[in-house]
Amino acid sequence: MSMRIEVRLVKGPTGKGGDQRRVLTAMGLRKWGHSVIVTDSPSIRGMVQKVLHLVEVRPAPGGKA
């Protein structure tokens, strides 16, 4: 079983680079306060690292998929 994390958008991408906007869109984040639960993988961790100043990350409720 793989671990899951909850990613919540806490700041908007206004004025940020296009790459950061594309990362947020690819993760499924749309507007402030919106959160998604994703599988914890190296590619997702890389995406989170790129927008870490815009999101909040925590273990997902239930933890495992």
PDB file of N, CA and C in Angstrom:
ATOM      1  N   MET A   1       0.843  -1.184   0.000  1.00  0.00           N
ATOM      2  CA  MET A   1       0.000   0.000   0.000  1.00  0.00           C
ATOM      3  C   MET A   1       0.886   1.243   0.000  1.00  0.00           C
ATOM      4  N   SER A   2       0.439   2.258  -0.703  1.00  0.00           N
ATOM      5  CA  SER A   2       1.223   3.482  -0.759  1.00  0.00           C
ATOM      6  C   SER A   2       0.596   4.556   0.125  1.00  0.00           C
ATOM      7  N   MET A   3       1.438   5.391   0.652  1.00  0.00           N
ATOM      8  CA  MET A   3       0.978   6.471   1.515  1.00  0.00           C
ATOM      9  C   MET A   3       0.315   7.558   0.671  1.00  0.00           C
ATOM     10  N   ARG A   4      -0.578   8.286   1.290  1.00  0.00           N
ATOM     11  CA  ARG A   4      -1.250   9.398   0.621  1.00  0.00           C
ATOM     12  C   ARG A   4      -1.037  10.654   1.441  1.00  0.00           C
ATOM     13  N   ILE A   5      -1.005  11.790   0.767  1.00  0.00           N
ATOM     14  CA  ILE A   5      -0.859  13.075   1.438  1.00  0.00           C
ATOM     15  C   ILE A   5      -1.973  14.006   0.973  1.00  0.00           C
ATOM     16  N   GLU A   6      -2.298  14.938   1.844  1.00  0.00           N
ATOM     17  CA  GLU A   6      -3.287  15.963   1.504  1.00  0.00           C
ATOM     18  C   GLU A   6      -2.533  17.248   1.228  1.00  0.00           C
ATOM     19  N   VAL A   7      -2.813  17.850   0.081  1.00  0.00           N
ATOM     20  CA  VAL A   7      -2.164  19.101  -0.315  1.00  0.00           C
ATOM     21  C   VAL A   7      -3.249  20.162  -0.400  1.00  0.00           C
ATOM     22  N   ARG A   8      -3.056  21.265   0.328  1.00  0.00           N
ATOM     23  CA  ARG A   8      -4.063  22.331   0.358  1.00  0.00           C
ATOM     24  C   ARG A   8      -3.436  23.634  -0.108  1.00  0.00           C
ATOM     25  N   LEU A   9      -4.115  24.341  -0.998  1.00  0.00           N
ATOM     26  CA  LEU A   9      -3.633  25.618  -1.520  1.00  0.00           C
ATOM     27  C   LEU A   9      -3.919  26.712  -0.496  1.00  0.00           C
ATOM     28  N   VAL A  10      -2.871  27.365   0.005  1.00  0.00           N
ATOM     29  CA  VAL A  10      -3.048  28.396   1.015  1.00  0.00           C
ATOM     30  C   VAL A  10      -2.725  29.790   0.489  1.00  0.00           C
ATOM     31  N   LYS A  11      -2.108  29.889  -0.680  1.00  0.00           N
ATOM     32  CA  LYS A  11      -1.852  31.175  -1.330  1.00  0.00           C
ATOM     33  C   LYS A  11      -2.131  31.009  -2.809  1.00  0.00           C
ATOM     34  N   GLY A  12      -2.594  32.064  -3.438  1.00  0.00           N
ATOM     35  CA  GLY A  12      -2.891  31.999  -4.865  1.00  0.00           C
ATOM     36  C   GLY A  12      -1.647  32.159  -5.715  1.00  0.00           C
ATOM     37  N   PRO A  13      -1.701  31.699  -6.959  1.00  0.00           N
ATOM     38  CA  PRO A  13      -0.545  31.759  -7.843  1.00  0.00           C
ATOM     39  C   PRO A  13      -0.389  33.085  -8.582  1.00  0.00           C
ATOM     40  N   THR A  14      -1.173  34.093  -8.244  1.00  0.00           N
ATOM     41  CA  THR A  14      -1.094  35.369  -8.927  1.00  0.00           C
ATOM     42  C   THR A  14       0.313  35.951  -8.819  1.00  0.00           C
ATOM     43  N   GLY A  15       0.865  36.322  -9.961  1.00  0.00           N
ATOM     44  CA  GLY A  15       2.190  36.920  -9.993  1.00  0.00           C
ATOM     45  C   GLY A  15       3.324  35.911  -9.958  1.00  0.00           C
ATOM     46  N   LYS A  16       3.008  34.639  -9.901  1.00  0.00           N
ATOM     47  CA  LYS A  16       4.038  33.594  -9.896  1.00  0.00           C
ATOM     48  C   LYS A  16       4.281  33.138 -11.331  1.00  0.00           C
ATOM     49  N   GLY A  17       5.349  32.410 -11.535  1.00  0.00           N
ATOM     50  CA  GLY A  17       5.698  31.935 -12.866  1.00  0.00           C
ATOM     51  C   GLY A  17       4.689  30.955 -13.428  1.00  0.00           C
ATOM     52  N   GLY A  18       4.683  30.822 -14.734  1.00  0.00           N
ATOM     53  CA  GLY A  18       3.769  29.904 -15.402  1.00  0.00           C
ATOM     54  C   GLY A  18       3.986  28.460 -14.999  1.00  0.00           C
ATOM     55  N   ASP A  19       5.250  28.097 -14.708  1.00  0.00           N
ATOM     56  CA  ASP A  19       5.540  26.721 -14.285  1.00  0.00           C
ATOM     57  C   ASP A  19       4.803  26.386 -13.003  1.00  0.00           C
ATOM     58  N   GLN A  20       4.774  27.315 -12.070  1.00  0.00           N
ATOM     59  CA  GLN A  20       4.113  27.065 -10.790  1.00  0.00           C
ATOM     60  C   GLN A  20       2.611  26.939 -10.975  1.00  0.00           C
ATOM     61  N   ARG A  21       2.032  27.748 -11.853  1.00  0.00           N
ATOM     62  CA  ARG A  21       0.604  27.637 -12.137  1.00  0.00           C
ATOM     63  C   ARG A  21       0.280  26.275 -12.754  1.00  0.00           C
ATOM     64  N   ARG A  22       1.129  25.834 -13.659  1.00  0.00           N
ATOM     65  CA  ARG A  22       0.908  24.537 -14.308  1.00  0.00           C
ATOM     66  C   ARG A  22       1.016  23.390 -13.315  1.00  0.00           C
ATOM     67  N   VAL A  23       1.928  23.495 -12.361  1.00  0.00           N
ATOM     68  CA  VAL A  23       2.064  22.453 -11.335  1.00  0.00           C
ATOM     69  C   VAL A  23       0.798  22.380 -10.499  1.00  0.00           C
ATOM     70  N   LEU A  24       0.278  23.530 -10.083  1.00  0.00           N
ATOM     71  CA  LEU A  24      -0.950  23.554  -9.282  1.00  0.00           C
ATOM     72  C   LEU A  24      -2.114  22.955 -10.059  1.00  0.00           C
ATOM     73  N   THR A  25      -2.222  23.291 -11.329  1.00  0.00           N
ATOM     74  CA  THR A  25      -3.293  22.751 -12.168  1.00  0.00           C
ATOM     75  C   THR A  25      -3.139  21.241 -12.324  1.00  0.00           C
ATOM     76  N   ALA A  26      -1.923  20.779 -12.531  1.00  0.00           N
ATOM     77  CA  ALA A  26      -1.682  19.343 -12.699  1.00  0.00           C
ATOM     78  C   ALA A  26      -2.026  18.567 -11.431  1.00  0.00           C
ATOM     79  N   MET A  27      -1.848  19.201 -10.273  1.00  0.00           N
ATOM     80  CA  MET A  27      -2.193  18.544  -9.019  1.00  0.00           C
ATOM     81  C   MET A  27      -3.689  18.603  -8.737  1.00  0.00           C
ATOM     82  N   GLY A  28      -4.416  19.436  -9.486  1.00  0.00           N
ATOM     83  CA  GLY A  28      -5.864  19.530  -9.308  1.00  0.00           C
ATOM     84  C   GLY A  28      -6.286  20.631  -8.360  1.00  0.00           C
ATOM     85  N   LEU A  29      -5.361  21.521  -7.996  1.00  0.00           N
ATOM     86  CA  LEU A  29      -5.687  22.618  -7.083  1.00  0.00           C
ATOM     87  C   LEU A  29      -6.216  23.799  -7.884  1.00  0.00           C
ATOM     88  N   ARG A  30      -7.364  24.347  -7.474  1.00  0.00           N
ATOM     89  CA  ARG A  30      -8.019  25.382  -8.248  1.00  0.00           C
ATOM     90  C   ARG A  30      -8.022  26.751  -7.586  1.00  0.00           C
ATOM     91  N   LYS A  31      -8.403  26.819  -6.314  1.00  0.00           N
ATOM     92  CA  LYS A  31      -8.506  28.114  -5.645  1.00  0.00           C
ATOM     93  C   LYS A  31      -8.113  27.978  -4.183  1.00  0.00           C
ATOM     94  N   TRP A  32      -7.978  29.094  -3.493  1.00  0.00           N
ATOM     95  CA  TRP A  32      -7.565  29.092  -2.090  1.00  0.00           C
ATOM     96  C   TRP A  32      -8.430  28.152  -1.275  1.00  0.00           C
ATOM     97  N   GLY A  33      -7.810  27.405  -0.396  1.00  0.00           N
ATOM     98  CA  GLY A  33      -8.535  26.519   0.490  1.00  0.00           C
ATOM     99  C   GLY A  33      -8.884  25.171  -0.120  1.00  0.00           C
ATOM    100  N   HIS A  34      -8.730  25.035  -1.425  1.00  0.00           N
ATOM    101  CA  HIS A  34      -9.039  23.771  -2.080  1.00  0.00           C
ATOM    102  C   HIS A  34      -7.959  22.757  -1.735  1.00  0.00           C
ATOM    103  N   SER A  35      -8.345  21.525  -1.456  1.00  0.00           N
ATOM    104  CA  SER A  35      -7.359  20.509  -1.127  1.00  0.00           C
ATOM    105  C   SER A  35      -7.614  19.251  -1.943  1.00  0.00           C
ATOM    106  N   VAL A  36      -6.545  18.518  -2.177  1.00  0.00           N
ATOM    107  CA  VAL A  36      -6.612  17.260  -2.905  1.00  0.00           C
ATOM    108  C   VAL A  36      -5.809  16.219  -2.133  1.00  0.00           C
ATOM    109  N   ILE A  37      -6.188  14.970  -2.297  1.00  0.00           N
ATOM    110  CA  ILE A  37      -5.446  13.868  -1.693  1.00  0.00           C
ATOM    111  C   ILE A  37      -4.770  13.117  -2.828  1.00  0.00           C
ATOM    112  N   VAL A  38      -3.449  13.024  -2.744  1.00  0.00           N
ATOM    113  CA  VAL A  38      -2.663  12.393  -3.802  1.00  0.00           C
ATOM    114  C   VAL A  38      -1.759  11.315  -3.213  1.00  0.00           C
ATOM    115  N   THR A  39      -1.353  10.387  -4.056  1.00  0.00           N
ATOM    116  CA  THR A  39      -0.428   9.346  -3.646  1.00  0.00           C
ATOM    117  C   THR A  39       0.958   9.952  -3.474  1.00  0.00           C
ATOM    118  N   ASP A  40       1.612   9.623  -2.393  1.00  0.00           N
ATOM    119  CA  ASP A  40       2.948  10.145  -2.111  1.00  0.00           C
ATOM    120  C   ASP A  40       3.969   9.392  -2.960  1.00  0.00           C
ATOM    121  N   SER A  41       4.526  10.090  -3.947  1.00  0.00           N
ATOM    122  CA  SER A  41       5.525   9.494  -4.832  1.00  0.00           C
ATOM    123  C   SER A  41       6.616  10.529  -5.085  1.00  0.00           C
ATOM    124  N   PRO A  42       7.754  10.121  -5.617  1.00  0.00           N
ATOM    125  CA  PRO A  42       8.816  11.084  -5.892  1.00  0.00           C
ATOM    126  C   PRO A  42       8.383  12.204  -6.844  1.00  0.00           C
ATOM    127  N   SER A  43       7.569  11.889  -7.831  1.00  0.00           N
ATOM    128  CA  SER A  43       7.140  12.932  -8.768  1.00  0.00           C
ATOM    129  C   SER A  43       6.220  13.946  -8.085  1.00  0.00           C
ATOM    130  N   ILE A  44       5.322  13.473  -7.244  1.00  0.00           N
ATOM    131  CA  ILE A  44       4.436  14.374  -6.501  1.00  0.00           C
ATOM    132  C   ILE A  44       5.252  15.212  -5.522  1.00  0.00           C
ATOM    133  N   ARG A  45       6.223  14.596  -4.847  1.00  0.00           N
ATOM    134  CA  ARG A  45       7.080  15.343  -3.916  1.00  0.00           C
ATOM    135  C   ARG A  45       7.844  16.439  -4.644  1.00  0.00           C
ATOM    136  N   GLY A  46       8.278  16.178  -5.874  1.00  0.00           N
ATOM    137  CA  GLY A  46       8.961  17.197  -6.666  1.00  0.00           C
ATOM    138  C   GLY A  46       8.036  18.347  -7.008  1.00  0.00           C
ATOM    139  N   MET A  47       6.788  18.020  -7.336  1.00  0.00           N
ATOM    140  CA  MET A  47       5.803  19.061  -7.640  1.00  0.00           C
ATOM    141  C   MET A  47       5.526  19.901  -6.402  1.00  0.00           C
ATOM    142  N   VAL A  48       5.371  19.238  -5.263  1.00  0.00           N
ATOM    143  CA  VAL A  48       5.109  19.950  -4.010  1.00  0.00           C
ATOM    144  C   VAL A  48       6.290  20.857  -3.670  1.00  0.00           C
ATOM    145  N   GLN A  49       7.500  20.377  -3.874  1.00  0.00           N
ATOM    146  CA  GLN A  49       8.691  21.175  -3.562  1.00  0.00           C
ATOM    147  C   GLN A  49       8.724  22.457  -4.393  1.00  0.00           C
ATOM    148  N   LYS A  50       8.262  22.381  -5.631  1.00  0.00           N
ATOM    149  CA  LYS A  50       8.276  23.543  -6.519  1.00  0.00           C
ATOM    150  C   LYS A  50       7.302  24.636  -6.057  1.00  0.00           C
ATOM    151  N   VAL A  51       6.206  24.238  -5.402  1.00  0.00           N
ATOM    152  CA  VAL A  51       5.195  25.210  -4.976  1.00  0.00           C
ATOM    153  C   VAL A  51       5.006  25.199  -3.454  1.00  0.00           C
ATOM    154  N   LEU A  52       6.038  24.801  -2.726  1.00  0.00           N
ATOM    155  CA  LEU A  52       5.935  24.655  -1.276  1.00  0.00           C
ATOM    156  C   LEU A  52       5.504  25.947  -0.582  1.00  0.00           C
ATOM    157  N   HIS A  53       5.856  27.091  -1.146  1.00  0.00           N
ATOM    158  CA  HIS A  53       5.484  28.375  -0.550  1.00  0.00           C
ATOM    159  C   HIS A  53       4.007  28.719  -0.769  1.00  0.00           C
ATOM    160  N   LEU A  54       3.309  27.931  -1.594  1.00  0.00           N
ATOM    161  CA  LEU A  54       1.896  28.180  -1.884  1.00  0.00           C
ATOM    162  C   LEU A  54       0.956  27.141  -1.280  1.00  0.00           C
ATOM    163  N   VAL A  55       1.504  26.032  -0.801  1.00  0.00           N
ATOM    164  CA  VAL A  55       0.660  24.933  -0.342  1.00  0.00           C
ATOM    165  C   VAL A  55       1.016  24.511   1.076  1.00  0.00           C
ATOM    166  N   GLU A  56       0.097  23.759   1.661  1.00  0.00           N
ATOM    167  CA  GLU A  56       0.291  23.144   2.977  1.00  0.00           C
ATOM    168  C   GLU A  56       0.141  21.631   2.779  1.00  0.00           C
ATOM    169  N   VAL A  57       1.070  20.865   3.315  1.00  0.00           N
ATOM    170  CA  VAL A  57       1.077  19.412   3.105  1.00  0.00           C
ATOM    171  C   VAL A  57       0.953  18.716   4.449  1.00  0.00           C
ATOM    172  N   ARG A  58       0.105  17.682   4.504  1.00  0.00           N
ATOM    173  CA  ARG A  58      -0.031  16.867   5.708  1.00  0.00           C
ATOM    174  C   ARG A  58      -0.454  15.464   5.302  1.00  0.00           C
ATOM    175  N   PRO A  59      -0.256  14.497   6.192  1.00  0.00           N
ATOM    176  CA  PRO A  59      -0.711  13.140   5.884  1.00  0.00           C
ATOM    177  C   PRO A  59      -2.226  13.120   5.680  1.00  0.00           C
ATOM    178  N   ALA A  60      -2.674  12.339   4.738  1.00  0.00           N
ATOM    179  CA  ALA A  60      -4.100  12.266   4.444  1.00  0.00           C
ATOM    180  C   ALA A  60      -4.823  11.497   5.539  1.00  0.00           C
ATOM    181  N   PRO A  61      -6.077  11.850   5.803  1.00  0.00           N
ATOM    182  CA  PRO A  61      -6.869  11.084   6.750  1.00  0.00           C
ATOM    183  C   PRO A  61      -6.950   9.634   6.289  1.00  0.00           C
ATOM    184  N   GLY A  62      -6.728   8.719   7.164  1.00  0.00           N
ATOM    185  CA  GLY A  62      -6.727   7.316   6.775  1.00  0.00           C
ATOM    186  C   GLY A  62      -5.343   6.833   6.394  1.00  0.00           C
ATOM    187  N   GLY A  63      -4.519   7.733   5.868  1.00  0.00           N
ATOM    188  CA  GLY A  63      -3.119   7.454   5.614  1.00  0.00           C
ATOM    189  C   GLY A  63      -2.756   6.604   4.431  1.00  0.00           C
ATOM    190  N   LYS A  64      -3.320   5.421   4.298  1.00  0.00           N
ATOM    191  CA  LYS A  64      -2.887   4.524   3.229  1.00  0.00           C
ATOM    192  C   LYS A  64      -4.000   4.303   2.226  1.00  0.00           C
ATOM    193  N   ALA A  65      -3.585   4.001   0.993  1.00  0.00           N
ATOM    194  CA  ALA A  65      -4.555   3.773  -0.073  1.00  0.00           C
ATOM    195  C   ALA A  65      -4.777   2.291  -0.290  1.00  0.00           C
TER     196      ALA A  65
END
